[in-house]
PDB file of N, CA and C in Angstrom:
ATOM      1  N   MET A   1     -27.267  72.156  24.411  1.00  0.00           N
ATOM      2  CA  MET A   1     -28.537  71.451  24.331  1.00  0.00           C
ATOM      3  C   MET A   1     -28.430  70.213  23.433  1.00  0.00           C
ATOM      4  N   ARG A   2     -27.764  70.386  22.270  1.00  0.00           N
ATOM      5  CA  ARG A   2     -27.616  69.247  21.363  1.00  0.00           C
ATOM      6  C   ARG A   2     -26.872  68.108  22.055  1.00  0.00           C
ATOM      7  N   LYS A   3     -25.781  68.467  22.714  1.00  0.00           N
ATOM      8  CA  LYS A   3     -24.959  67.465  23.374  1.00  0.00           C
ATOM      9  C   LYS A   3     -25.755  66.743  24.456  1.00  0.00           C
ATOM     10  N   LYS A   4     -26.491  67.487  25.249  1.00  0.00           N
ATOM     11  CA  LYS A   4     -27.275  66.891  26.330  1.00  0.00           C
ATOM     12  C   LYS A   4     -28.293  65.895  25.768  1.00  0.00           C
ATOM     13  N   THR A   5     -28.909  66.264  24.653  1.00  0.00           N
ATOM     14  CA  THR A   5     -29.895  65.387  24.020  1.00  0.00           C
ATOM     15  C   THR A   5     -29.241  64.101  23.533  1.00  0.00           C
ATOM     16  N   LEU A   6     -28.082  64.224  22.896  1.00  0.00           N
ATOM     17  CA  LEU A   6     -27.396  63.040  22.381  1.00  0.00           C
ATOM     18  C   LEU A   6     -26.862  62.148  23.500  1.00  0.00           C
ATOM     19  N   VAL A   7     -26.278  62.759  24.512  1.00  0.00           N
ATOM     20  CA  VAL A   7     -25.684  62.004  25.615  1.00  0.00           C
ATOM     21  C   VAL A   7     -26.735  61.148  26.325  1.00  0.00           C
ATOM     22  N   ARG A   8     -27.941  61.629  26.361  1.00  0.00           N
ATOM     23  CA  ARG A   8     -29.025  60.894  27.029  1.00  0.00           C
ATOM     24  C   ARG A   8     -29.231  59.505  26.417  1.00  0.00           C
ATOM     25  N   TYR A   9     -28.972  59.374  25.113  1.00  0.00           N
ATOM     26  CA  TYR A   9     -29.225  58.111  24.424  1.00  0.00           C
ATOM     27  C   TYR A   9     -28.031  57.166  24.405  1.00  0.00           C
ATOM     28  N   ILE A  10     -26.864  57.616  24.816  1.00  0.00           N
ATOM     29  CA  ILE A  10     -25.651  56.793  24.727  1.00  0.00           C
ATOM     30  C   ILE A  10     -25.778  55.450  25.446  1.00  0.00           C
ATOM     31  N   PRO A  11     -26.274  55.387  26.673  1.00  0.00           N
ATOM     32  CA  PRO A  11     -26.369  54.060  27.322  1.00  0.00           C
ATOM     33  C   PRO A  11     -27.237  53.077  26.533  1.00  0.00           C
ATOM     34  N   ASP A  12     -28.377  53.539  26.039  1.00  0.00           N
ATOM     35  CA  ASP A  12     -29.266  52.652  25.276  1.00  0.00           C
ATOM     36  C   ASP A  12     -28.630  52.226  23.958  1.00  0.00           C
ATOM     37  N   VAL A  13     -28.009  53.169  23.272  1.00  0.00           N
ATOM     38  CA  VAL A  13     -27.388  52.863  21.977  1.00  0.00           C
ATOM     39  C   VAL A  13     -26.220  51.896  22.161  1.00  0.00           C
ATOM     40  N   SER A  14     -25.355  52.177  23.119  1.00  0.00           N
ATOM     41  CA  SER A  14     -24.197  51.290  23.319  1.00  0.00           C
ATOM     42  C   SER A  14     -24.651  49.896  23.731  1.00  0.00           C
ATOM     43  N   ARG A  15     -25.671  49.803  24.568  1.00  0.00           N
ATOM     44  CA  ARG A  15     -26.197  48.499  24.987  1.00  0.00           C
ATOM     45  C   ARG A  15     -26.774  47.751  23.772  1.00  0.00           C
ATOM     46  N   ALA A  16     -27.521  48.453  22.940  1.00  0.00           N
ATOM     47  CA  ALA A  16     -28.138  47.817  21.773  1.00  0.00           C
ATOM     48  C   ALA A  16     -27.088  47.379  20.754  1.00  0.00           C
ATOM     49  N   VAL A  17     -26.139  48.254  20.450  1.00  0.00           N
ATOM     50  CA  VAL A  17     -25.113  47.918  19.456  1.00  0.00           C
ATOM     51  C   VAL A  17     -24.255  46.765  19.958  1.00  0.00           C
ATOM     52  N   PHE A  18     -23.827  46.832  21.213  1.00  0.00           N
ATOM     53  CA  PHE A  18     -23.011  45.735  21.736  1.00  0.00           C
ATOM     54  C   PHE A  18     -23.828  44.449  21.785  1.00  0.00           C
ATOM     55  N   GLY A  19     -25.097  44.550  22.108  1.00  0.00           N
ATOM     56  CA  GLY A  19     -25.950  43.358  22.116  1.00  0.00           C
ATOM     57  C   GLY A  19     -25.989  42.684  20.757  1.00  0.00           C
ATOM     58  N   VAL A  20     -26.108  43.478  19.703  1.00  0.00           N
ATOM     59  CA  VAL A  20     -26.128  42.931  18.340  1.00  0.00           C
ATOM     60  C   VAL A  20     -24.776  42.301  18.004  1.00  0.00           C
ATOM     61  N   LEU A  21     -23.682  43.027  18.287  1.00  0.00           N
ATOM     62  CA  LEU A  21     -22.350  42.495  17.991  1.00  0.00           C
ATOM     63  C   LEU A  21     -22.061  41.222  18.782  1.00  0.00           C
ATOM     64  N   ASN A  22     -22.436  41.220  20.035  1.00  0.00           N
ATOM     65  CA  ASN A  22     -22.218  40.042  20.868  1.00  0.00           C
ATOM     66  C   ASN A  22     -23.051  38.865  20.372  1.00  0.00           C
ATOM     67  N   GLN A  23     -24.273  39.128  19.958  1.00  0.00           N
ATOM     68  CA  GLN A  23     -25.123  38.050  19.436  1.00  0.00           C
ATOM     69  C   GLN A  23     -24.547  37.502  18.132  1.00  0.00           C
ATOM     70  N   MET A  24     -24.020  38.395  17.285  1.00  0.00           N
ATOM     71  CA  MET A  24     -23.360  37.940  16.054  1.00  0.00           C
ATOM     72  C   MET A  24     -22.171  37.039  16.403  1.00  0.00           C
ATOM     73  N   HIS A  25     -21.430  37.438  17.414  1.00  0.00           N
ATOM     74  CA  HIS A  25     -20.284  36.652  17.865  1.00  0.00           C
ATOM     75  C   HIS A  25     -20.732  35.272  18.337  1.00  0.00           C
ATOM     76  N   GLN A  26     -21.769  35.239  19.154  1.00  0.00           N
ATOM     77  CA  GLN A  26     -22.281  33.961  19.664  1.00  0.00           C
ATOM     78  C   GLN A  26     -22.827  33.089  18.533  1.00  0.00           C
ATOM     79  N   ASN A  27     -23.536  33.729  17.582  1.00  0.00           N
ATOM     80  CA  ASN A  27     -24.077  32.977  16.450  1.00  0.00           C
ATOM     81  C   ASN A  27     -22.969  32.408  15.574  1.00  0.00           C
ATOM     82  N   ALA A  28     -21.894  33.161  15.393  1.00  0.00           N
ATOM     83  CA  ALA A  28     -20.773  32.688  14.582  1.00  0.00           C
ATOM     84  C   ALA A  28     -20.115  31.468  15.230  1.00  0.00           C
ATOM     85  N   ILE A  29     -19.981  31.516  16.543  1.00  0.00           N
ATOM     86  CA  ILE A  29     -19.403  30.377  17.263  1.00  0.00           C
ATOM     87  C   ILE A  29     -20.305  29.156  17.099  1.00  0.00           C
ATOM     88  N   ALA A  30     -21.608  29.363  17.287  1.00  0.00           N
ATOM     89  CA  ALA A  30     -22.561  28.254  17.147  1.00  0.00           C
ATOM     90  C   ALA A  30     -22.587  27.719  15.716  1.00  0.00           C
ATOM     91  N   ALA A  31     -22.545  28.616  14.725  1.00  0.00           N
ATOM     92  CA  ALA A  31     -22.566  28.194  13.322  1.00  0.00           C
ATOM     93  C   ALA A  31     -21.301  27.407  12.973  1.00  0.00           C
ATOM     94  N   ALA A  32     -20.165  27.854  13.490  1.00  0.00           N
ATOM     95  CA  ALA A  32     -18.912  27.145  13.232  1.00  0.00           C
ATOM     96  C   ALA A  32     -18.953  25.745  13.827  1.00  0.00           C
ATOM     97  N   GLU A  33     -19.495  25.640  15.039  1.00  0.00           N
ATOM     98  CA  GLU A  33     -19.619  24.328  15.675  1.00  0.00           C
ATOM     99  C   GLU A  33     -20.583  23.432  14.901  1.00  0.00           C
ATOM    100  N   LYS A  34     -21.691  24.012  14.479  1.00  0.00           N
ATOM    101  CA  LYS A  34     -22.694  23.234  13.756  1.00  0.00           C
ATOM    102  C   LYS A  34     -22.141  22.780  12.412  1.00  0.00           C
ATOM    103  N   GLU A  35     -21.382  23.658  11.758  1.00  0.00           N
ATOM    104  CA  GLU A  35     -20.811  23.331  10.447  1.00  0.00           C
ATOM    105  C   GLU A  35     -19.799  22.188  10.572  1.00  0.00           C
ATOM    106  N   LYS A  36     -19.065  22.161  11.681  1.00  0.00           N
ATOM    107  CA  LYS A  36     -18.076  21.101  11.907  1.00  0.00           C
ATOM    108  C   LYS A  36     -18.753  19.743  12.102  1.00  0.00           C
ATOM    109  N   THR A  37     -19.900  19.744  12.765  1.00  0.00           N
ATOM    110  CA  THR A  37     -20.544  18.482  13.137  1.00  0.00           C
ATOM    111  C   THR A  37     -21.663  18.061  12.196  1.00  0.00           C
ATOM    112  N   SER A  38     -22.083  18.943  11.276  1.00  0.00           N
ATOM    113  CA  SER A  38     -23.232  18.637  10.420  1.00  0.00           C
ATOM    114  C   SER A  38     -22.795  18.092   9.065  1.00  0.00           C
ATOM    115  N   ASP A  39     -23.679  17.319   8.515  1.00  0.00           N
ATOM    116  CA  ASP A  39     -23.522  16.859   7.140  1.00  0.00           C
ATOM    117  C   ASP A  39     -23.930  18.024   6.242  1.00  0.00           C
ATOM    118  N   PRO A  40     -23.073  18.470   5.304  1.00  0.00           N
ATOM    119  CA  PRO A  40     -23.399  19.617   4.460  1.00  0.00           C
ATOM    120  C   PRO A  40     -24.713  19.458   3.705  1.00  0.00           C
ATOM    121  N   ASP A  41     -25.085  18.217   3.392  1.00  0.00           N
ATOM    122  CA  ASP A  41     -26.340  17.987   2.669  1.00  0.00           C
ATOM    123  C   ASP A  41     -27.562  18.194   3.555  1.00  0.00           C
ATOM    124  N   GLN A  42     -27.359  18.211   4.866  1.00  0.00           N
ATOM    125  CA  GLN A  42     -28.460  18.350   5.807  1.00  0.00           C
ATOM    126  C   GLN A  42     -28.683  19.791   6.269  1.00  0.00           C
ATOM    127  N   LEU A  43     -27.851  20.761   5.801  1.00  0.00           N
ATOM    128  CA  LEU A  43     -27.991  22.147   6.242  1.00  0.00           C
ATOM    129  C   LEU A  43     -29.301  22.748   5.735  1.00  0.00           C
ATOM    130  N   SER A  44     -29.965  23.488   6.585  1.00  0.00           N
ATOM    131  CA  SER A  44     -31.195  24.165   6.184  1.00  0.00           C
ATOM    132  C   SER A  44     -30.849  25.359   5.302  1.00  0.00           C
ATOM    133  N   VAL A  45     -31.854  25.977   4.718  1.00  0.00           N
ATOM    134  CA  VAL A  45     -31.643  27.160   3.883  1.00  0.00           C
ATOM    135  C   VAL A  45     -31.020  28.278   4.716  1.00  0.00           C
ATOM    136  N   VAL A  46     -31.496  28.463   5.930  1.00  0.00           N
ATOM    137  CA  VAL A  46     -30.951  29.500   6.808  1.00  0.00           C
ATOM    138  C   VAL A  46     -29.493  29.211   7.124  1.00  0.00           C
ATOM    139  N   ASP A  47     -29.190  27.958   7.488  1.00  0.00           N
ATOM    140  CA  ASP A  47     -27.812  27.585   7.786  1.00  0.00           C
ATOM    141  C   ASP A  47     -26.926  27.761   6.560  1.00  0.00           C
ATOM    142  N   SER A  48     -27.448  27.395   5.414  1.00  0.00           N
ATOM    143  CA  SER A  48     -26.691  27.525   4.170  1.00  0.00           C
ATOM    144  C   SER A  48     -26.402  28.990   3.859  1.00  0.00           C
ATOM    145  N   THR A  49     -27.401  29.847   4.042  1.00  0.00           N
ATOM    146  CA  THR A  49     -27.223  31.281   3.808  1.00  0.00           C
ATOM    147  C   THR A  49     -26.224  31.856   4.798  1.00  0.00           C
ATOM    148  N   ALA A  50     -26.344  31.475   6.048  1.00  0.00           N
ATOM    149  CA  ALA A  50     -25.407  31.952   7.075  1.00  0.00           C
ATOM    150  C   ALA A  50     -23.996  31.506   6.734  1.00  0.00           C
ATOM    151  N   SER A  51     -23.859  30.294   6.263  1.00  0.00           N
ATOM    152  CA  SER A  51     -22.550  29.782   5.895  1.00  0.00           C
ATOM    153  C   SER A  51     -21.969  30.585   4.728  1.00  0.00           C
ATOM    154  N   THR A  52     -22.805  30.917   3.748  1.00  0.00           N
ATOM    155  CA  THR A  52     -22.363  31.723   2.610  1.00  0.00           C
ATOM    156  C   THR A  52     -21.901  33.099   3.069  1.00  0.00           C
ATOM    157  N   ILE A  53     -22.675  33.726   3.951  1.00  0.00           N
ATOM    158  CA  ILE A  53     -22.314  35.047   4.471  1.00  0.00           C
ATOM    159  C   ILE A  53     -21.013  34.963   5.255  1.00  0.00           C
ATOM    160  N   LEU A  54     -20.889  33.931   6.072  1.00  0.00           N
ATOM    161  CA  LEU A  54     -19.691  33.788   6.883  1.00  0.00           C
ATOM    162  C   LEU A  54     -18.439  33.589   6.033  1.00  0.00           C
ATOM    163  N   HIS A  55     -18.614  33.103   4.824  1.00  0.00           N
ATOM    164  CA  HIS A  55     -17.463  32.876   3.958  1.00  0.00           C
ATOM    165  C   HIS A  55     -17.170  34.061   3.043  1.00  0.00           C
ATOM    166  N   ASN A  56     -17.965  35.109   3.099  1.00  0.00           N
ATOM    167  CA  ASN A  56     -17.675  36.340   2.363  1.00  0.00           C
ATOM    168  C   ASN A  56     -16.442  36.962   3.004  1.00  0.00           C
ATOM    169  N   ARG A  57     -15.397  37.221   2.216  1.00  0.00           N
ATOM    170  CA  ARG A  57     -14.097  37.614   2.752  1.00  0.00           C
ATOM    171  C   ARG A  57     -14.144  38.881   3.603  1.00  0.00           C
ATOM    172  N   SER A  58     -14.716  39.957   3.121  1.00  0.00           N
ATOM    173  CA  SER A  58     -14.701  41.202   3.896  1.00  0.00           C
ATOM    174  C   SER A  58     -15.561  41.077   5.146  1.00  0.00           C
ATOM    175  N   PHE A  59     -16.684  40.416   5.033  1.00  0.00           N
ATOM    176  CA  PHE A  59     -17.538  40.198   6.207  1.00  0.00           C
ATOM    177  C   PHE A  59     -16.800  39.341   7.218  1.00  0.00           C
ATOM    178  N   GLN A  60     -16.143  38.314   6.720  1.00  0.00           N
ATOM    179  CA  GLN A  60     -15.430  37.404   7.597  1.00  0.00           C
ATOM    180  C   GLN A  60     -14.284  38.118   8.319  1.00  0.00           C
ATOM    181  N   GLN A  61     -13.561  38.977   7.599  1.00  0.00           N
ATOM    182  CA  GLN A  61     -12.475  39.716   8.234  1.00  0.00           C
ATOM    183  C   GLN A  61     -13.007  40.637   9.328  1.00  0.00           C
ATOM    184  N   THR A  62     -14.096  41.327   9.028  1.00  0.00           N
ATOM    185  CA  THR A  62     -14.703  42.214  10.017  1.00  0.00           C
ATOM    186  C   THR A  62     -15.192  41.409  11.212  1.00  0.00           C
ATOM    187  N   GLN A  63     -15.811  40.307  10.933  1.00  0.00           N
ATOM    188  CA  GLN A  63     -16.336  39.463  12.005  1.00  0.00           C
ATOM    189  C   GLN A  63     -15.208  38.948  12.893  1.00  0.00           C
ATOM    190  N   VAL A  64     -14.110  38.523  12.292  1.00  0.00           N
ATOM    191  CA  VAL A  64     -12.973  38.030  13.073  1.00  0.00           C
ATOM    192  C   VAL A  64     -12.416  39.143  13.947  1.00  0.00           C
ATOM    193  N   THR A  65     -12.312  40.340  13.394  1.00  0.00           N
ATOM    194  CA  THR A  65     -11.817  41.484  14.163  1.00  0.00           C
ATOM    195  C   THR A  65     -12.725  41.765  15.354  1.00  0.00           C
ATOM    196  N   ILE A  66     -14.037  41.746  15.118  1.00  0.00           N
ATOM    197  CA  ILE A  66     -15.006  41.994  16.189  1.00  0.00           C
ATOM    198  C   ILE A  66     -14.939  40.878  17.235  1.00  0.00           C
ATOM    199  N   GLN A  67     -14.866  39.628  16.776  1.00  0.00           N
ATOM    200  CA  GLN A  67     -14.806  38.509  17.712  1.00  0.00           C
ATOM    201  C   GLN A  67     -13.568  38.589  18.605  1.00  0.00           C
ATOM    202  N   LYS A  68     -12.426  38.893  18.005  1.00  0.00           N
ATOM    203  CA  LYS A  68     -11.194  39.004  18.794  1.00  0.00           C
ATOM    204  C   LYS A  68     -11.305  40.133  19.806  1.00  0.00           C
ATOM    205  N   ALA A  69     -11.861  41.260  19.363  1.00  0.00           N
ATOM    206  CA  ALA A  69     -12.007  42.403  20.270  1.00  0.00           C
ATOM    207  C   ALA A  69     -12.931  42.066  21.435  1.00  0.00           C
ATOM    208  N   ILE A  70     -14.012  41.352  21.169  1.00  0.00           N
ATOM    209  CA  ILE A  70     -14.937  40.955  22.238  1.00  0.00           C
ATOM    210  C   ILE A  70     -14.256  39.962  23.182  1.00  0.00           C
ATOM    211  N   GLU A  71     -13.576  38.971  22.608  1.00  0.00           N
ATOM    212  CA  GLU A  71     -12.915  37.958  23.434  1.00  0.00           C
ATOM    213  C   GLU A  71     -11.818  38.558  24.312  1.00  0.00           C
ATOM    214  N   GLN A  72     -11.132  39.582  23.807  1.00  0.00           N
ATOM    215  CA  GLN A  72     -10.032  40.206  24.544  1.00  0.00           C
ATOM    216  C   GLN A  72     -10.502  41.405  25.377  1.00  0.00           C
ATOM    217  N   ASN A  73     -11.819  41.562  25.478  1.00  0.00           N
ATOM    218  CA  ASN A  73     -12.432  42.664  26.239  1.00  0.00           C
ATOM    219  C   ASN A  73     -11.989  44.043  25.751  1.00  0.00           C
ATOM    220  N   GLN A  74     -11.626  44.140  24.479  1.00  0.00           N
ATOM    221  CA  GLN A  74     -11.294  45.426  23.884  1.00  0.00           C
ATOM    222  C   GLN A  74     -12.561  46.091  23.342  1.00  0.00           C
ATOM    223  N   LEU A  75     -13.610  45.309  23.204  1.00  0.00           N
ATOM    224  CA  LEU A  75     -14.891  45.823  22.732  1.00  0.00           C
ATOM    225  C   LEU A  75     -15.955  45.372  23.718  1.00  0.00           C
ATOM    226  N   SER A  76     -16.583  46.350  24.339  1.00  0.00           N
ATOM    227  CA  SER A  76     -17.630  46.066  25.314  1.00  0.00           C
ATOM    228  C   SER A  76     -18.634  47.212  25.266  1.00  0.00           C
ATOM    229  N   GLU A  77     -19.681  47.056  26.003  1.00  0.00           N
ATOM    230  CA  GLU A  77     -20.690  48.115  26.093  1.00  0.00           C
ATOM    231  C   GLU A  77     -20.056  49.397  26.629  1.00  0.00           C
ATOM    232  N   LYS A  78     -19.172  49.248  27.611  1.00  0.00           N
ATOM    233  CA  LYS A  78     -18.499  50.401  28.209  1.00  0.00           C
ATOM    234  C   LYS A  78     -17.587  51.104  27.189  1.00  0.00           C
ATOM    235  N   VAL A  79     -16.867  50.333  26.403  1.00  0.00           N
ATOM    236  CA  VAL A  79     -15.982  50.902  25.373  1.00  0.00           C
ATOM    237  C   VAL A  79     -16.815  51.638  24.317  1.00  0.00           C
ATOM    238  N   LEU A  80     -17.912  51.020  23.892  1.00  0.00           N
ATOM    239  CA  LEU A  80     -18.783  51.678  22.917  1.00  0.00           C
ATOM    240  C   LEU A  80     -19.340  52.986  23.471  1.00  0.00           C
ATOM    241  N   ALA A  81     -19.756  52.980  24.716  1.00  0.00           N
ATOM    242  CA  ALA A  81     -20.291  54.196  25.338  1.00  0.00           C
ATOM    243  C   ALA A  81     -19.221  55.284  25.365  1.00  0.00           C
ATOM    244  N   SER A  82     -18.002  54.906  25.685  1.00  0.00           N
ATOM    245  CA  SER A  82     -16.897  55.869  25.717  1.00  0.00           C
ATOM    246  C   SER A  82     -16.653  56.470  24.333  1.00  0.00           C
ATOM    247  N   LYS A  83     -16.653  55.622  23.320  1.00  0.00           N
ATOM    248  CA  LYS A  83     -16.437  56.098  21.939  1.00  0.00           C
ATOM    249  C   LYS A  83     -17.592  56.992  21.490  1.00  0.00           C
ATOM    250  N   LEU A  84     -18.802  56.646  21.896  1.00  0.00           N
ATOM    251  CA  LEU A  84     -19.946  57.496  21.554  1.00  0.00           C
ATOM    252  C   LEU A  84     -19.846  58.859  22.232  1.00  0.00           C
ATOM    253  N   HIS A  85     -19.394  58.871  23.486  1.00  0.00           N
ATOM    254  CA  HIS A  85     -19.190  60.146  24.184  1.00  0.00           C
ATOM    255  C   HIS A  85     -18.160  60.991  23.447  1.00  0.00           C
ATOM    256  N   GLU A  86     -17.073  60.365  23.008  1.00  0.00           N
ATOM    257  CA  GLU A  86     -16.042  61.083  22.250  1.00  0.00           C
ATOM    258  C   GLU A  86     -16.624  61.661  20.961  1.00  0.00           C
ATOM    259  N   ALA A  87     -17.413  60.871  20.269  1.00  0.00           N
ATOM    260  CA  ALA A  87     -18.009  61.330  19.012  1.00  0.00           C
ATOM    261  C   ALA A  87     -18.978  62.487  19.246  1.00  0.00           C
ATOM    262  N   VAL A  88     -19.756  62.406  20.307  1.00  0.00           N
ATOM    263  CA  VAL A  88     -20.699  63.484  20.632  1.00  0.00           C
ATOM    264  C   VAL A  88     -19.937  64.757  20.987  1.00  0.00           C
ATOM    265  N   ASP A  89     -18.872  64.612  21.776  1.00  0.00           N
ATOM    266  CA  ASP A  89     -18.050  65.778  22.138  1.00  0.00           C
ATOM    267  C   ASP A  89     -17.468  66.437  20.891  1.00  0.00           C
ATOM    268  N   LYS A  90     -16.938  65.620  20.001  1.00  0.00           N
ATOM    269  CA  LYS A  90     -16.329  66.144  18.769  1.00  0.00           C
ATOM    270  C   LYS A  90     -17.385  66.824  17.895  1.00  0.00           C
ATOM    271  N   ALA A  91     -18.532  66.197  17.759  1.00  0.00           N
ATOM    272  CA  ALA A  91     -19.610  66.777  16.950  1.00  0.00           C
ATOM    273  C   ALA A  91     -20.098  68.086  17.558  1.00  0.00           C
ATOM    274  N   ASP A  92     -20.187  68.131  18.888  1.00  0.00           N
ATOM    275  CA  ASP A  92     -20.637  69.338  19.565  1.00  0.00           C
ATOM    276  C   ASP A  92     -19.623  70.467  19.385  1.00  0.00           C
ATOM    277  N   GLU A  93     -18.333  70.133  19.497  1.00  0.00           N
ATOM    278  CA  GLU A  93     -17.293  71.148  19.280  1.00  0.00           C
ATOM    279  C   GLU A  93     -17.365  71.703  17.867  1.00  0.00           C
ATOM    280  N   SER A  94     -17.572  70.829  16.891  1.00  0.00           N
ATOM    281  CA  SER A  94     -17.686  71.268  15.496  1.00  0.00           C
ATOM    282  C   SER A  94     -18.910  72.152  15.307  1.00  0.00           C
ATOM    283  N   ALA A  95     -20.025  71.766  15.919  1.00  0.00           N
ATOM    284  CA  ALA A  95     -21.251  72.555  15.789  1.00  0.00           C
ATOM    285  C   ALA A  95     -21.077  73.931  16.413  1.00  0.00           C
ATOM    286  N   VAL A  96     -20.432  73.981  17.570  1.00  0.00           N
ATOM    287  CA  VAL A  96     -20.198  75.259  18.241  1.00  0.00           C
ATOM    288  C   VAL A  96     -19.278  76.132  17.386  1.00  0.00           C
ATOM    289  N   ALA A  97     -18.237  75.528  16.815  1.00  0.00           N
ATOM    290  CA  ALA A  97     -17.313  76.279  15.965  1.00  0.00           C
ATOM    291  C   ALA A  97     -18.028  76.830  14.737  1.00  0.00           C
ATOM    292  N   LEU A  98     -18.843  76.014  14.101  1.00  0.00           N
ATOM    293  CA  LEU A  98     -19.596  76.475  12.927  1.00  0.00           C
ATOM    294  C   LEU A  98     -20.576  77.583  13.292  1.00  0.00           C
ATOM    295  N   GLU A  99     -21.211  77.423  14.426  1.00  0.00           N
ATOM    296  CA  GLU A  99     -22.148  78.442  14.893  1.00  0.00           C
ATOM    297  C   GLU A  99     -21.424  79.759  15.137  1.00  0.00           C
ATOM    298  N   HIS A 100     -20.241  79.686  15.735  1.00  0.00           N
ATOM    299  CA  HIS A 100     -19.435  80.879  16.010  1.00  0.00           C
ATOM    300  C   HIS A 100     -19.016  81.551  14.699  1.00  0.00           C
ATOM    301  N   ILE A 101     -18.581  80.742  13.740  1.00  0.00           N
ATOM    302  CA  ILE A 101     -18.163  81.293  12.444  1.00  0.00           C
ATOM    303  C   ILE A 101     -19.328  81.965  11.742  1.00  0.00           C
ATOM    304  N   SER A 102     -20.468  81.315  11.722  1.00  0.00           N
ATOM    305  CA  SER A 102     -21.618  81.907  11.034  1.00  0.00           C
ATOM    306  C   SER A 102     -22.108  83.163  11.752  1.00  0.00           C
ATOM    307  N   THR A 103     -22.051  83.161  13.076  1.00  0.00           N
ATOM    308  CA  THR A 103     -22.466  84.333  13.848  1.00  0.00           C
ATOM    309  C   THR A 103     -21.511  85.493  13.621  1.00  0.00           C
ATOM    310  N   SER A 104     -20.211  85.218  13.642  1.00  0.00           N
ATOM    311  CA  SER A 104     -19.248  86.303  13.447  1.00  0.00           C
ATOM    312  C   SER A 104     -19.313  86.830  12.020  1.00  0.00           C
ATOM    313  N   GLY A 105     -19.580  85.970  11.058  1.00  0.00           N
ATOM    314  CA  GLY A 105     -19.743  86.426   9.671  1.00  0.00           C
ATOM    315  C   GLY A 105     -20.968  87.301   9.512  1.00  0.00           C
ATOM    316  N   ARG A 106     -22.037  86.946  10.164  1.00  0.00           N
ATOM    317  CA  ARG A 106     -23.270  87.732  10.107  1.00  0.00           C
ATOM    318  C   ARG A 106     -23.058  89.091  10.784  1.00  0.00           C
ATOM    319  N   ASP A 107     -22.324  89.089  11.915  1.00  0.00           N
ATOM    320  CA  ASP A 107     -22.044  90.341  12.621  1.00  0.00           C
ATOM    321  C   ASP A 107     -21.226  91.289  11.740  1.00  0.00           C
ATOM    322  N   LYS A 108     -20.257  90.747  11.011  1.00  0.00           N
ATOM    323  CA  LYS A 108     -19.429  91.582  10.118  1.00  0.00           C
ATOM    324  C   LYS A 108     -20.274  92.173   8.998  1.00  0.00           C
ATOM    325  N   LYS A 109     -21.188  91.379   8.444  1.00  0.00           N
ATOM    326  CA  LYS A 109     -22.069  91.885   7.375  1.00  0.00           C
ATOM    327  C   LYS A 109     -22.950  93.016   7.917  1.00  0.00           C
ATOM    328  N   GLU A 110     -23.477  92.832   9.118  1.00  0.00           N
ATOM    329  CA  GLU A 110     -24.326  93.862   9.707  1.00  0.00           C
ATOM    330  C   GLU A 110     -23.530  95.141   9.956  1.00  0.00           C
ATOM    331  N   GLU A 111     -22.256  95.025  10.343  1.00  0.00           N
ATOM    332  CA  GLU A 111     -21.401  96.207  10.549  1.00  0.00           C
ATOM    333  C   GLU A 111     -21.205  96.945   9.232  1.00  0.00           C
ATOM    334  N   GLN A 112     -20.935  96.182   8.168  1.00  0.00           N
ATOM    335  CA  GLN A 112     -20.688  96.787   6.873  1.00  0.00           C
ATOM    336  C   GLN A 112     -21.942  97.497   6.338  1.00  0.00           C
ATOM    337  N   VAL A 113     -23.089  96.908   6.566  1.00  0.00           N
ATOM    338  CA  VAL A 113     -24.342  97.496   6.111  1.00  0.00           C
ATOM    339  C   VAL A 113     -24.643  98.785   6.874  1.00  0.00           C
ATOM    340  N   SER A 114     -24.371  98.800   8.163  1.00  0.00           N
ATOM    341  CA  SER A 114     -24.687  99.962   8.980  1.00  0.00           C
ATOM    342  C   SER A 114     -23.711 101.126   8.734  1.00  0.00           C
ATOM    343  N   GLN A 115     -22.559 100.873   8.151  1.00  0.00           N
ATOM    344  CA  GLN A 115     -21.587 101.947   7.916  1.00  0.00           C
ATOM    345  C   GLN A 115     -21.889 102.677   6.675  1.00  0.00           C
TER     346      GLN A 115
END
C-alpha cells in the first residue's frame, strides 16, 4: 500500500523537479549571457544577487554538474522518475523488512509469555 501511494506521485514529482532544474539551467545560461554583455554598474539588485549566488563555489560546482548532465541527456524527467522508482522500491523493501522483524519479535515474546 505504501509503495502504491508513493508511486502514484512519481510522474508529478519528477516533472516538477526536472522543471525546476531545467529552469535553473536556462536562467544560468541567460545570466551568463547578460553578464557578458552588460555593464556591471547597470546590473539590477536581482541580477547582482544572482551573480553573487552563481559565483558561490559549491553552488557553482553543483550547477555545472547539473547543466552538463542536462546537456548530455544524463538528467531528464525520465531519469528522475527511474531514480524515484528505485528509491521507493528500496524504501518499501526496508519497511517490509522492519515490519517482518518487529512482527517476528512480537511473536517470540507472545510464545515466551504463553509458556
